[in-house]
Amino acid sequence: MNQTVAIKDPASPERTTFAILFAVSF
């Protein structure tokens, strides 16, 4: 259940946001 919430919530600390990581890396 917690994993489902993490996937749906863009602010969840459990989800790695690669788009932002690649943006700051670029």
PDB file of all heavy atoms in Angstrom:
ATOM      1  N   MET A   1       0.830  -1.208   0.000  1.00  0.00           N
ATOM      2  CA  MET A   1       0.000   0.000   0.000  1.00  0.00           C
ATOM      3  C   MET A   1       0.862   1.254   0.000  1.00  0.00           C
ATOM      4  O   MET A   1       0.643   2.174  -0.766  1.00  0.00           O
ATOM      5  CB  MET A   1      -0.919  -0.012   1.232  1.00  0.00           C
ATOM      6  CG  MET A   1      -1.875   1.178   1.290  1.00  0.00           C
ATOM      7  SD  MET A   1      -3.063   1.104  -0.076  1.00  0.00           S
ATOM      8  CE  MET A   1      -4.021   2.568   0.238  1.00  0.00           C
ATOM      9  N   ASN A   2       1.928   1.277   0.845  1.00  0.00           N
ATOM     10  CA  ASN A   2       2.815   2.427   0.910  1.00  0.00           C
ATOM     11  C   ASN A   2       3.543   2.650  -0.398  1.00  0.00           C
ATOM     12  O   ASN A   2       3.780   3.770  -0.820  1.00  0.00           O
ATOM     13  CB  ASN A   2       3.838   2.246   2.039  1.00  0.00           C
ATOM     14  CG  ASN A   2       3.192   2.372   3.408  1.00  0.00           C
ATOM     15  OD1 ASN A   2       2.130   2.981   3.538  1.00  0.00           O
ATOM     16  ND2 ASN A   2       3.828   1.792   4.418  1.00  0.00           N
ATOM     17  N   GLN A   3       3.911   1.539  -1.085  1.00  0.00           N
ATOM     18  CA  GLN A   3       4.595   1.680  -2.360  1.00  0.00           C
ATOM     19  C   GLN A   3       3.687   2.327  -3.394  1.00  0.00           C
ATOM     20  O   GLN A   3       4.128   3.143  -4.201  1.00  0.00           O
ATOM     21  CB  GLN A   3       5.065   0.317  -2.857  1.00  0.00           C
ATOM     22  CG  GLN A   3       6.203  -0.266  -2.002  1.00  0.00           C
ATOM     23  CD  GLN A   3       6.640  -1.628  -2.500  1.00  0.00           C
ATOM     24  OE1 GLN A   3       5.910  -2.265  -3.261  1.00  0.00           O
ATOM     25  NE2 GLN A   3       7.799  -2.062  -2.066  1.00  0.00           N
ATOM     26  N   THR A   4       2.407   1.969  -3.394  1.00  0.00           N
ATOM     27  CA  THR A   4       1.455   2.572  -4.332  1.00  0.00           C
ATOM     28  C   THR A   4       1.334   4.061  -4.104  1.00  0.00           C
ATOM     29  O   THR A   4       1.341   4.853  -5.047  1.00  0.00           O
ATOM     30  CB  THR A   4       0.059   1.901  -4.190  1.00  0.00           C
ATOM     31  OG1 THR A   4       0.205   0.501  -4.368  1.00  0.00           O
ATOM     32  CG2 THR A   4      -0.902   2.476  -5.195  1.00  0.00           C
ATOM     33  N   VAL A   5       1.269   4.470  -2.855  1.00  0.00           N
ATOM     34  CA  VAL A   5       1.182   5.889  -2.533  1.00  0.00           C
ATOM     35  C   VAL A   5       2.430   6.620  -3.020  1.00  0.00           C
ATOM     36  O   VAL A   5       2.363   7.702  -3.589  1.00  0.00           O
ATOM     37  CB  VAL A   5       0.989   6.090  -1.015  1.00  0.00           C
ATOM     38  CG1 VAL A   5       1.064   7.563  -0.657  1.00  0.00           C
ATOM     39  CG2 VAL A   5      -0.354   5.508  -0.571  1.00  0.00           C
ATOM     40  N   ALA A   6       3.606   5.996  -2.823  1.00  0.00           N
ATOM     41  CA  ALA A   6       4.857   6.626  -3.233  1.00  0.00           C
ATOM     42  C   ALA A   6       4.899   6.854  -4.732  1.00  0.00           C
ATOM     43  O   ALA A   6       5.416   7.850  -5.209  1.00  0.00           O
ATOM     44  CB  ALA A   6       6.051   5.761  -2.806  1.00  0.00           C
ATOM     45  N   ILE A   7       4.327   5.928  -5.499  1.00  0.00           N
ATOM     46  CA  ILE A   7       4.330   6.081  -6.950  1.00  0.00           C
ATOM     47  C   ILE A   7       3.393   7.202  -7.381  1.00  0.00           C
ATOM     48  O   ILE A   7       3.689   7.989  -8.260  1.00  0.00           O
ATOM     49  CB  ILE A   7       3.926   4.750  -7.621  1.00  0.00           C
ATOM     50  CG1 ILE A   7       5.016   3.710  -7.385  1.00  0.00           C
ATOM     51  CG2 ILE A   7       3.663   4.932  -9.103  1.00  0.00           C
ATOM     52  CD1 ILE A   7       4.643   2.316  -7.836  1.00  0.00           C
ATOM     53  N   LYS A   8       2.281   7.329  -6.733  1.00  0.00           N
ATOM     54  CA  LYS A   8       1.297   8.325  -7.137  1.00  0.00           C
ATOM     55  C   LYS A   8       1.653   9.722  -6.668  1.00  0.00           C
ATOM     56  O   LYS A   8       1.296  10.703  -7.299  1.00  0.00           O
ATOM     57  CB  LYS A   8      -0.082   7.937  -6.587  1.00  0.00           C
ATOM     58  CG  LYS A   8      -0.690   6.721  -7.272  1.00  0.00           C
ATOM     59  CD  LYS A   8      -2.072   6.426  -6.708  1.00  0.00           C
ATOM     60  CE  LYS A   8      -2.701   5.231  -7.415  1.00  0.00           C
ATOM     61  NZ  LYS A   8      -4.035   4.908  -6.890  1.00  0.00           N
ATOM     62  N   ASP A   9       2.335   9.814  -5.557  1.00  0.00           N
ATOM     63  CA  ASP A   9       2.632  11.121  -4.966  1.00  0.00           C
ATOM     64  C   ASP A   9       3.947  11.657  -5.500  1.00  0.00           C
ATOM     65  O   ASP A   9       5.010  11.123  -5.201  1.00  0.00           O
ATOM     66  CB  ASP A   9       2.707  10.996  -3.437  1.00  0.00           C
ATOM     67  CG  ASP A   9       2.975  12.335  -2.775  1.00  0.00           C
ATOM     68  OD1 ASP A   9       2.976  13.367  -3.479  1.00  0.00           O
ATOM     69  OD2 ASP A   9       3.177  12.344  -1.543  1.00  0.00           O
ATOM     70  N   PRO A  10       3.952  12.739  -6.314  1.00  0.00           N
ATOM     71  CA  PRO A  10       5.193  13.250  -6.875  1.00  0.00           C
ATOM     72  C   PRO A  10       6.122  13.831  -5.831  1.00  0.00           C
ATOM     73  O   PRO A  10       7.291  14.046  -6.096  1.00  0.00           O
ATOM     74  CB  PRO A  10       4.715  14.341  -7.851  1.00  0.00           C
ATOM     75  CG  PRO A  10       3.389  14.788  -7.306  1.00  0.00           C
ATOM     76  CD  PRO A  10       2.788  13.562  -6.691  1.00  0.00           C
ATOM     77  N   ALA A  11       5.615  14.111  -4.643  1.00  0.00           N
ATOM     78  CA  ALA A  11       6.460  14.670  -3.593  1.00  0.00           C
ATOM     79  C   ALA A  11       6.962  13.615  -2.619  1.00  0.00           C
ATOM     80  O   ALA A  11       7.587  13.908  -1.636  1.00  0.00           O
ATOM     81  CB  ALA A  11       5.695  15.752  -2.818  1.00  0.00           C
ATOM     82  N   SER A  12       6.626  12.341  -2.912  1.00  0.00           N
ATOM     83  CA  SER A  12       7.034  11.289  -1.987  1.00  0.00           C
ATOM     84  C   SER A  12       8.538  11.154  -1.934  1.00  0.00           C
ATOM     85  O   SER A  12       9.204  11.116  -2.954  1.00  0.00           O
ATOM     86  CB  SER A  12       6.424   9.945  -2.433  1.00  0.00           C
ATOM     87  OG  SER A  12       6.966   8.899  -1.675  1.00  0.00           O
ATOM     88  N   PRO A  13       9.108  11.077  -0.726  1.00  0.00           N
ATOM     89  CA  PRO A  13      10.555  10.946  -0.605  1.00  0.00           C
ATOM     90  C   PRO A  13      11.074   9.593  -1.088  1.00  0.00           C
ATOM     91  O   PRO A  13      12.262   9.416  -1.256  1.00  0.00           O
ATOM     92  CB  PRO A  13      10.798  11.135   0.889  1.00  0.00           C
ATOM     93  CG  PRO A  13       9.523  10.760   1.545  1.00  0.00           C
ATOM     94  CD  PRO A  13       8.446  11.141   0.588  1.00  0.00           C
ATOM     95  N   GLU A  14      10.182   8.594  -1.324  1.00  0.00           N
ATOM     96  CA  GLU A  14      10.628   7.275  -1.754  1.00  0.00           C
ATOM     97  C   GLU A  14      10.855   7.193  -3.259  1.00  0.00           C
ATOM     98  O   GLU A  14      11.377   6.212  -3.746  1.00  0.00           O
ATOM     99  CB  GLU A  14       9.607   6.197  -1.343  1.00  0.00           C
ATOM    100  CG  GLU A  14       9.601   5.883   0.150  1.00  0.00           C
ATOM    101  CD  GLU A  14       8.816   6.903   0.951  1.00  0.00           C
ATOM    102  OE1 GLU A  14       7.924   7.545   0.367  1.00  0.00           O
ATOM    103  OE2 GLU A  14       9.113   7.074   2.149  1.00  0.00           O
ATOM    104  N   ARG A  15      10.451   8.187  -4.003  1.00  0.00           N
ATOM    105  CA  ARG A  15      10.535   8.125  -5.458  1.00  0.00           C
ATOM    106  C   ARG A  15      11.709   8.948  -5.977  1.00  0.00           C
ATOM    107  O   ARG A  15      11.875  10.110  -5.607  1.00  0.00           O
ATOM    108  CB  ARG A  15       9.236   8.650  -6.076  1.00  0.00           C
ATOM    109  CG  ARG A  15       9.191   8.522  -7.589  1.00  0.00           C
ATOM    110  CD  ARG A  15       7.960   9.198  -8.136  1.00  0.00           C
ATOM    111  NE  ARG A  15       7.877   9.062  -9.575  1.00  0.00           N
ATOM    112  CZ  ARG A  15       7.061   9.751 -10.336  1.00  0.00           C
ATOM    113  NH1 ARG A  15       6.246  10.638  -9.777  1.00  0.00           N
ATOM    114  NH2 ARG A  15       7.024   9.571 -11.636  1.00  0.00           N
ATOM    115  N   THR A  16      12.536   8.337  -6.816  1.00  0.00           N
ATOM    116  CA  THR A  16      13.651   9.045  -7.430  1.00  0.00           C
ATOM    117  C   THR A  16      13.166   9.769  -8.677  1.00  0.00           C
ATOM    118  O   THR A  16      12.633   9.139  -9.596  1.00  0.00           O
ATOM    119  CB  THR A  16      14.782   8.066  -7.803  1.00  0.00           C
ATOM    120  OG1 THR A  16      15.188   7.344  -6.646  1.00  0.00           O
ATOM    121  CG2 THR A  16      15.973   8.811  -8.378  1.00  0.00           C
ATOM    122  N   THR A  17      13.309  11.069  -8.713  1.00  0.00           N
ATOM    123  CA  THR A  17      12.851  11.880  -9.842  1.00  0.00           C
ATOM    124  C   THR A  17      14.026  12.109 -10.795  1.00  0.00           C
ATOM    125  O   THR A  17      14.787  13.070 -10.659  1.00  0.00           O
ATOM    126  CB  THR A  17      12.276  13.225  -9.360  1.00  0.00           C
ATOM    127  OG1 THR A  17      11.320  12.981  -8.326  1.00  0.00           O
ATOM    128  CG2 THR A  17      11.605  13.973 -10.504  1.00  0.00           C
ATOM    129  N   PHE A  18      14.170  11.197 -11.761  1.00  0.00           N
ATOM    130  CA  PHE A  18      15.331  11.239 -12.639  1.00  0.00           C
ATOM    131  C   PHE A  18      15.313  12.448 -13.565  1.00  0.00           C
ATOM    132  O   PHE A  18      16.385  12.928 -13.969  1.00  0.00           O
ATOM    133  CB  PHE A  18      15.429   9.942 -13.441  1.00  0.00           C
ATOM    134  CG  PHE A  18      15.953   8.780 -12.647  1.00  0.00           C
ATOM    135  CD1 PHE A  18      15.084   7.826 -12.147  1.00  0.00           C
ATOM    136  CD2 PHE A  18      17.307   8.659 -12.378  1.00  0.00           C
ATOM    137  CE1 PHE A  18      15.559   6.752 -11.398  1.00  0.00           C
ATOM    138  CE2 PHE A  18      17.795   7.598 -11.629  1.00  0.00           C
ATOM    139  CZ  PHE A  18      16.925   6.641 -11.147  1.00  0.00           C
ATOM    140  N   ALA A  19      14.136  12.942 -13.915  1.00  0.00           N
ATOM    141  CA  ALA A  19      14.074  14.116 -14.794  1.00  0.00           C
ATOM    142  C   ALA A  19      14.785  15.303 -14.155  1.00  0.00           C
ATOM    143  O   ALA A  19      15.534  16.037 -14.826  1.00  0.00           O
ATOM    144  CB  ALA A  19      12.620  14.463 -15.108  1.00  0.00           C
ATOM    145  N   ILE A  20      14.578  15.501 -12.856  1.00  0.00           N
ATOM    146  CA  ILE A  20      15.240  16.606 -12.147  1.00  0.00           C
ATOM    147  C   ILE A  20      16.727  16.324 -11.983  1.00  0.00           C
ATOM    148  O   ILE A  20      17.568  17.222 -12.150  1.00  0.00           O
ATOM    149  CB  ILE A  20      14.570  16.832 -10.779  1.00  0.00           C
ATOM    150  CG1 ILE A  20      13.118  17.285 -10.960  1.00  0.00           C
ATOM    151  CG2 ILE A  20      15.350  17.859  -9.961  1.00  0.00           C
ATOM    152  CD1 ILE A  20      12.965  18.592 -11.730  1.00  0.00           C
ATOM    153  N   LEU A  21      17.086  15.073 -11.670  1.00  0.00           N
ATOM    154  CA  LEU A  21      18.499  14.721 -11.543  1.00  0.00           C
ATOM    155  C   LEU A  21      19.249  14.964 -12.851  1.00  0.00           C
ATOM    156  O   LEU A  21      20.358  15.509 -12.861  1.00  0.00           O
ATOM    157  CB  LEU A  21      18.653  13.260 -11.119  1.00  0.00           C
ATOM    158  CG  LEU A  21      18.222  12.906  -9.694  1.00  0.00           C
ATOM    159  CD1 LEU A  21      18.385  11.411  -9.446  1.00  0.00           C
ATOM    160  CD2 LEU A  21      19.014  13.704  -8.676  1.00  0.00           C
ATOM    161  N   PHE A  22      18.636  14.564 -13.965  1.00  0.00           N
ATOM    162  CA  PHE A  22      19.284  14.786 -15.258  1.00  0.00           C
ATOM    163  C   PHE A  22      19.336  16.269 -15.609  1.00  0.00           C
ATOM    164  O   PHE A  22      20.289  16.731 -16.242  1.00  0.00           O
ATOM    165  CB  PHE A  22      18.568  13.997 -16.357  1.00  0.00           C
ATOM    166  CG  PHE A  22      18.799  12.509 -16.287  1.00  0.00           C
ATOM    167  CD1 PHE A  22      17.743  11.626 -16.396  1.00  0.00           C
ATOM    168  CD2 PHE A  22      20.082  11.998 -16.093  1.00  0.00           C
ATOM    169  CE1 PHE A  22      17.949  10.253 -16.321  1.00  0.00           C
ATOM    170  CE2 PHE A  22      20.300  10.630 -16.024  1.00  0.00           C
ATOM    171  CZ  PHE A  22      19.234   9.745 -16.140  1.00  0.00           C
ATOM    172  N   ALA A  23      18.324  17.020 -15.191  1.00  0.00           N
ATOM    173  CA  ALA A  23      18.313  18.460 -15.471  1.00  0.00           C
ATOM    174  C   ALA A  23      19.452  19.168 -14.738  1.00  0.00           C
ATOM    175  O   ALA A  23      20.190  19.966 -15.329  1.00  0.00           O
ATOM    176  CB  ALA A  23      16.965  19.071 -15.082  1.00  0.00           C
ATOM    177  N   VAL A  24      19.608  18.886 -13.436  1.00  0.00           N
ATOM    178  CA  VAL A  24      20.686  19.545 -12.685  1.00  0.00           C
ATOM    179  C   VAL A  24      22.052  19.023 -13.119  1.00  0.00           C
ATOM    180  O   VAL A  24      23.045  19.761 -13.121  1.00  0.00           O
ATOM    181  CB  VAL A  24      20.508  19.406 -11.152  1.00  0.00           C
ATOM    182  CG1 VAL A  24      19.279  20.158 -10.680  1.00  0.00           C
ATOM    183  CG2 VAL A  24      20.459  17.954 -10.707  1.00  0.00           C
ATOM    184  N   SER A  25      22.119  17.749 -13.537  1.00  0.00           N
ATOM    185  CA  SER A  25      23.370  17.208 -14.049  1.00  0.00           C
ATOM    186  C   SER A  25      23.743  17.884 -15.368  1.00  0.00           C
ATOM    187  O   SER A  25      24.923  18.223 -15.598  1.00  0.00           O
ATOM    188  CB  SER A  25      23.249  15.693 -14.252  1.00  0.00           C
ATOM    189  OG  SER A  25      24.471  15.145 -14.705  1.00  0.00           O
ATOM    190  N   PHE A  26      22.754  18.097 -16.231  1.00  0.00           N
ATOM    191  CA  PHE A  26      22.998  18.786 -17.502  1.00  0.00           C
ATOM    192  C   PHE A  26      23.469  20.220 -17.256  1.00  0.00           C
ATOM    193  O   PHE A  26      24.418  20.691 -17.900  1.00  0.00           O
ATOM    194  CB  PHE A  26      21.715  18.787 -18.339  1.00  0.00           C
ATOM    195  CG  PHE A  26      21.809  19.595 -19.603  1.00  0.00           C
ATOM    196  CD1 PHE A  26      22.654  19.208 -20.634  1.00  0.00           C
ATOM    197  CD2 PHE A  26      21.049  20.744 -19.764  1.00  0.00           C
ATOM    198  CE1 PHE A  26      22.748  19.964 -21.808  1.00  0.00           C
ATOM    199  CE2 PHE A  26      21.131  21.499 -20.923  1.00  0.00           C
ATOM    200  CZ  PHE A  26      21.986  21.099 -21.944  1.00  0.00           C
TER     201      PHE A  26
END
